[in-house]
């Protein structure tokens, strides 16, 4: 019985060694969204690749034109984060939101603005 218990304990030790330490930060979907006004886009850079939402800003409107997420970054909800950042920016500036981008339109239908 001692031998089987030692075997179980050694397997547990192996599993614990493979686990991340409690001090590791939680996995995130990427860095912070930034408004790159020089390129007219909201962007998130992760591991040297950049997801972005291209826009056109006027005095009274923010037009969301195109969202692009590199293949290696897909599945992390970066597109959602980009659209949400654009919506928050437009609302805080009192701008109308015009969604030309199909992804942004779908996001807005799925997440209607609070009234």
C-alpha atoms as a PDB file:
ATOM      1  CA  UNK A   1       0.000   0.000   0.000  1.00  0.00           C
ATOM      2  CA  UNK A   2       2.869   2.383   0.771  1.00  0.00           C
ATOM      3  CA  UNK A   3       4.217   1.813  -2.739  1.00  0.00           C
ATOM      4  CA  UNK A   4       0.887   2.717  -4.387  1.00  0.00           C
ATOM      5  CA  UNK A   5       0.559   5.786  -2.163  1.00  0.00           C
ATOM      6  CA  UNK A   6       4.087   6.880  -3.096  1.00  0.00           C
ATOM      7  CA  UNK A   7       3.193   6.424  -6.764  1.00  0.00           C
ATOM      8  CA  UNK A   8       0.036   8.569  -6.367  1.00  0.00           C
ATOM      9  CA  UNK A   9       1.962  11.241  -4.451  1.00  0.00           C
ATOM     10  CA  UNK A  10       4.697  11.335  -7.095  1.00  0.00           C
ATOM     11  CA  UNK A  11       2.033  11.805  -9.820  1.00  0.00           C
ATOM     12  CA  UNK A  12       0.524  14.637  -7.766  1.00  0.00           C
ATOM     13  CA  UNK A  13       3.958  16.236  -7.406  1.00  0.00           C
ATOM     14  CA  UNK A  14       4.434  16.043 -11.200  1.00  0.00           C
ATOM     15  CA  UNK A  15       1.040  17.680 -11.779  1.00  0.00           C
ATOM     16  CA  UNK A  16       1.822  20.438  -9.304  1.00  0.00           C
ATOM     17  CA  UNK A  17       5.165  21.140 -10.978  1.00  0.00           C
ATOM     18  CA  UNK A  18       3.375  21.579 -14.322  1.00  0.00           C
ATOM     19  CA  UNK A  19       0.744  23.938 -12.899  1.00  0.00           C
ATOM     20  CA  UNK A  20       1.286  27.687 -12.969  1.00  0.00           C
ATOM     21  CA  UNK A  21       2.297  29.228  -9.665  1.00  0.00           C
ATOM     22  CA  UNK A  22      -0.396  31.225  -7.879  1.00  0.00           C
ATOM     23  CA  UNK A  23       1.639  34.388  -8.384  1.00  0.00           C
ATOM     24  CA  UNK A  24       1.320  34.270 -12.183  1.00  0.00           C
ATOM     25  CA  UNK A  25      -0.955  36.987 -13.545  1.00  0.00           C
ATOM     26  CA  UNK A  26      -4.205  35.766 -15.094  1.00  0.00           C
ATOM     27  CA  UNK A  27      -4.250  35.269 -18.852  1.00  0.00           C
ATOM     28  CA  UNK A  28      -5.590  38.295 -20.669  1.00  0.00           C
ATOM     29  CA  UNK A  29      -7.061  38.841 -24.078  1.00  0.00           C
ATOM     30  CA  UNK A  30      -4.350  41.326 -24.950  1.00  0.00           C
ATOM     31  CA  UNK A  31      -3.052  44.730 -24.095  1.00  0.00           C
ATOM     32  CA  UNK A  32      -4.920  47.974 -23.709  1.00  0.00           C
ATOM     33  CA  UNK A  33      -6.965  49.461 -26.529  1.00  0.00           C
ATOM     34  CA  UNK A  34      -5.501  52.715 -27.739  1.00  0.00           C
ATOM     35  CA  UNK A  35      -6.883  55.375 -30.043  1.00  0.00           C
ATOM     36  CA  UNK A  36      -4.227  55.892 -32.708  1.00  0.00           C
ATOM     37  CA  UNK A  37      -5.543  59.145 -34.172  1.00  0.00           C
ATOM     38  CA  UNK A  38      -2.626  59.361 -36.608  1.00  0.00           C
ATOM     39  CA  UNK A  39      -3.882  56.201 -38.331  1.00  0.00           C
ATOM     40  CA  UNK A  40      -7.594  56.811 -37.538  1.00  0.00           C
ATOM     41  CA  UNK A  41      -7.971  53.534 -35.736  1.00  0.00           C
ATOM     42  CA  UNK A  42      -8.446  51.930 -32.352  1.00  0.00           C
ATOM     43  CA  UNK A  43      -5.852  49.214 -31.893  1.00  0.00           C
ATOM     44  CA  UNK A  44      -4.610  46.456 -29.621  1.00  0.00           C
ATOM     45  CA  UNK A  45      -1.114  45.025 -30.017  1.00  0.00           C
ATOM     46  CA  UNK A  46      -0.342  41.512 -28.793  1.00  0.00           C
ATOM     47  CA  UNK A  47       2.880  39.581 -29.420  1.00  0.00           C
ATOM     48  CA  UNK A  48       3.953  41.970 -32.171  1.00  0.00           C
ATOM     49  CA  UNK A  49       0.640  41.786 -34.061  1.00  0.00           C
ATOM     50  CA  UNK A  50      -2.050  44.458 -34.118  1.00  0.00           C
ATOM     51  CA  UNK A  51      -5.822  44.170 -34.258  1.00  0.00           C
ATOM     52  CA  UNK A  52      -7.575  47.390 -35.259  1.00  0.00           C
ATOM     53  CA  UNK A  53     -10.837  49.150 -35.940  1.00  0.00           C
ATOM     54  CA  UNK A  54     -10.504  51.777 -38.670  1.00  0.00           C
ATOM     55  CA  UNK A  55     -12.697  54.860 -38.267  1.00  0.00           C
ATOM     56  CA  UNK A  56     -13.446  58.315 -39.604  1.00  0.00           C
ATOM     57  CA  UNK A  57     -14.089  61.054 -37.041  1.00  0.00           C
ATOM     58  CA  UNK A  58     -15.881  64.313 -37.837  1.00  0.00           C
ATOM     59  CA  UNK A  59     -17.137  67.089 -35.569  1.00  0.00           C
ATOM     60  CA  UNK A  60     -20.401  65.249 -34.928  1.00  0.00           C
ATOM     61  CA  UNK A  61     -19.871  61.552 -35.790  1.00  0.00           C
ATOM     62  CA  UNK A  62     -17.588  58.554 -35.482  1.00  0.00           C
ATOM     63  CA  UNK A  63     -17.918  56.228 -38.470  1.00  0.00           C
ATOM     64  CA  UNK A  64     -16.708  52.686 -37.817  1.00  0.00           C
ATOM     65  CA  UNK A  65     -15.333  51.465 -41.133  1.00  0.00           C
ATOM     66  CA  UNK A  66     -13.467  48.165 -40.788  1.00  0.00           C
ATOM     67  CA  UNK A  67     -12.363  45.780 -38.038  1.00  0.00           C
ATOM     68  CA  UNK A  68      -9.397  43.511 -38.618  1.00  0.00           C
ATOM     69  CA  UNK A  69      -7.938  40.909 -36.258  1.00  0.00           C
ATOM     70  CA  UNK A  70      -4.892  38.895 -37.409  1.00  0.00           C
ATOM     71  CA  UNK A  71      -5.514  35.151 -37.598  1.00  0.00           C
ATOM     72  CA  UNK A  72      -3.090  34.440 -34.734  1.00  0.00           C
ATOM     73  CA  UNK A  73      -5.093  36.735 -32.422  1.00  0.00           C
ATOM     74  CA  UNK A  74      -8.600  35.503 -33.238  1.00  0.00           C
ATOM     75  CA  UNK A  75     -10.762  33.935 -30.569  1.00  0.00           C
ATOM     76  CA  UNK A  76      -9.679  36.409 -27.882  1.00  0.00           C
ATOM     77  CA  UNK A  77     -12.612  38.826 -28.321  1.00  0.00           C
ATOM     78  CA  UNK A  78     -10.273  41.607 -29.429  1.00  0.00           C
ATOM     79  CA  UNK A  79     -12.788  42.787 -32.032  1.00  0.00           C
ATOM     80  CA  UNK A  80     -15.389  43.174 -29.292  1.00  0.00           C
ATOM     81  CA  UNK A  81     -12.965  45.186 -27.186  1.00  0.00           C
ATOM     82  CA  UNK A  82     -12.134  47.453 -30.133  1.00  0.00           C
ATOM     83  CA  UNK A  83     -15.783  48.175 -30.899  1.00  0.00           C
ATOM     84  CA  UNK A  84     -16.596  48.769 -27.240  1.00  0.00           C
ATOM     85  CA  UNK A  85     -13.685  51.223 -26.936  1.00  0.00           C
ATOM     86  CA  UNK A  86     -14.886  53.072 -30.039  1.00  0.00           C
ATOM     87  CA  UNK A  87     -18.441  53.259 -28.698  1.00  0.00           C
ATOM     88  CA  UNK A  88     -17.275  54.547 -25.327  1.00  0.00           C
ATOM     89  CA  UNK A  89     -15.068  57.147 -27.012  1.00  0.00           C
ATOM     90  CA  UNK A  90     -17.898  58.343 -29.266  1.00  0.00           C
ATOM     91  CA  UNK A  91     -20.397  58.513 -26.426  1.00  0.00           C
ATOM     92  CA  UNK A  92     -18.049  60.418 -24.138  1.00  0.00           C
ATOM     93  CA  UNK A  93     -17.410  62.951 -26.925  1.00  0.00           C
ATOM     94  CA  UNK A  94     -21.136  63.233 -27.741  1.00  0.00           C
ATOM     95  CA  UNK A  95     -20.633  61.875 -31.266  1.00  0.00           C
ATOM     96  CA  UNK A  96     -23.176  60.005 -33.358  1.00  0.00           C
ATOM     97  CA  UNK A  97     -22.058  56.469 -34.171  1.00  0.00           C
ATOM     98  CA  UNK A  98     -22.279  55.285 -37.764  1.00  0.00           C
ATOM     99  CA  UNK A  99     -21.407  51.604 -38.181  1.00  0.00           C
ATOM    100  CA  UNK A 100     -20.391  50.771 -41.745  1.00  0.00           C
ATOM    101  CA  UNK A 101     -18.322  47.789 -40.578  1.00  0.00           C
ATOM    102  CA  UNK A 102     -20.436  44.591 -40.518  1.00  0.00           C
ATOM    103  CA  UNK A 103     -18.655  43.340 -37.386  1.00  0.00           C
ATOM    104  CA  UNK A 104     -19.329  46.608 -35.529  1.00  0.00           C
ATOM    105  CA  UNK A 105     -22.992  46.559 -36.646  1.00  0.00           C
ATOM    106  CA  UNK A 106     -23.402  42.984 -35.406  1.00  0.00           C
ATOM    107  CA  UNK A 107     -21.749  43.867 -32.085  1.00  0.00           C
ATOM    108  CA  UNK A 108     -24.083  46.838 -31.618  1.00  0.00           C
ATOM    109  CA  UNK A 109     -27.167  44.702 -32.359  1.00  0.00           C
ATOM    110  CA  UNK A 110     -25.996  42.100 -29.870  1.00  0.00           C
ATOM    111  CA  UNK A 111     -25.069  44.706 -27.207  1.00  0.00           C
ATOM    112  CA  UNK A 112     -27.582  47.550 -27.437  1.00  0.00           C
ATOM    113  CA  UNK A 113     -26.621  50.801 -25.739  1.00  0.00           C
ATOM    114  CA  UNK A 114     -28.069  51.319 -22.276  1.00  0.00           C
ATOM    115  CA  UNK A 115     -30.815  53.900 -22.213  1.00  0.00           C
END
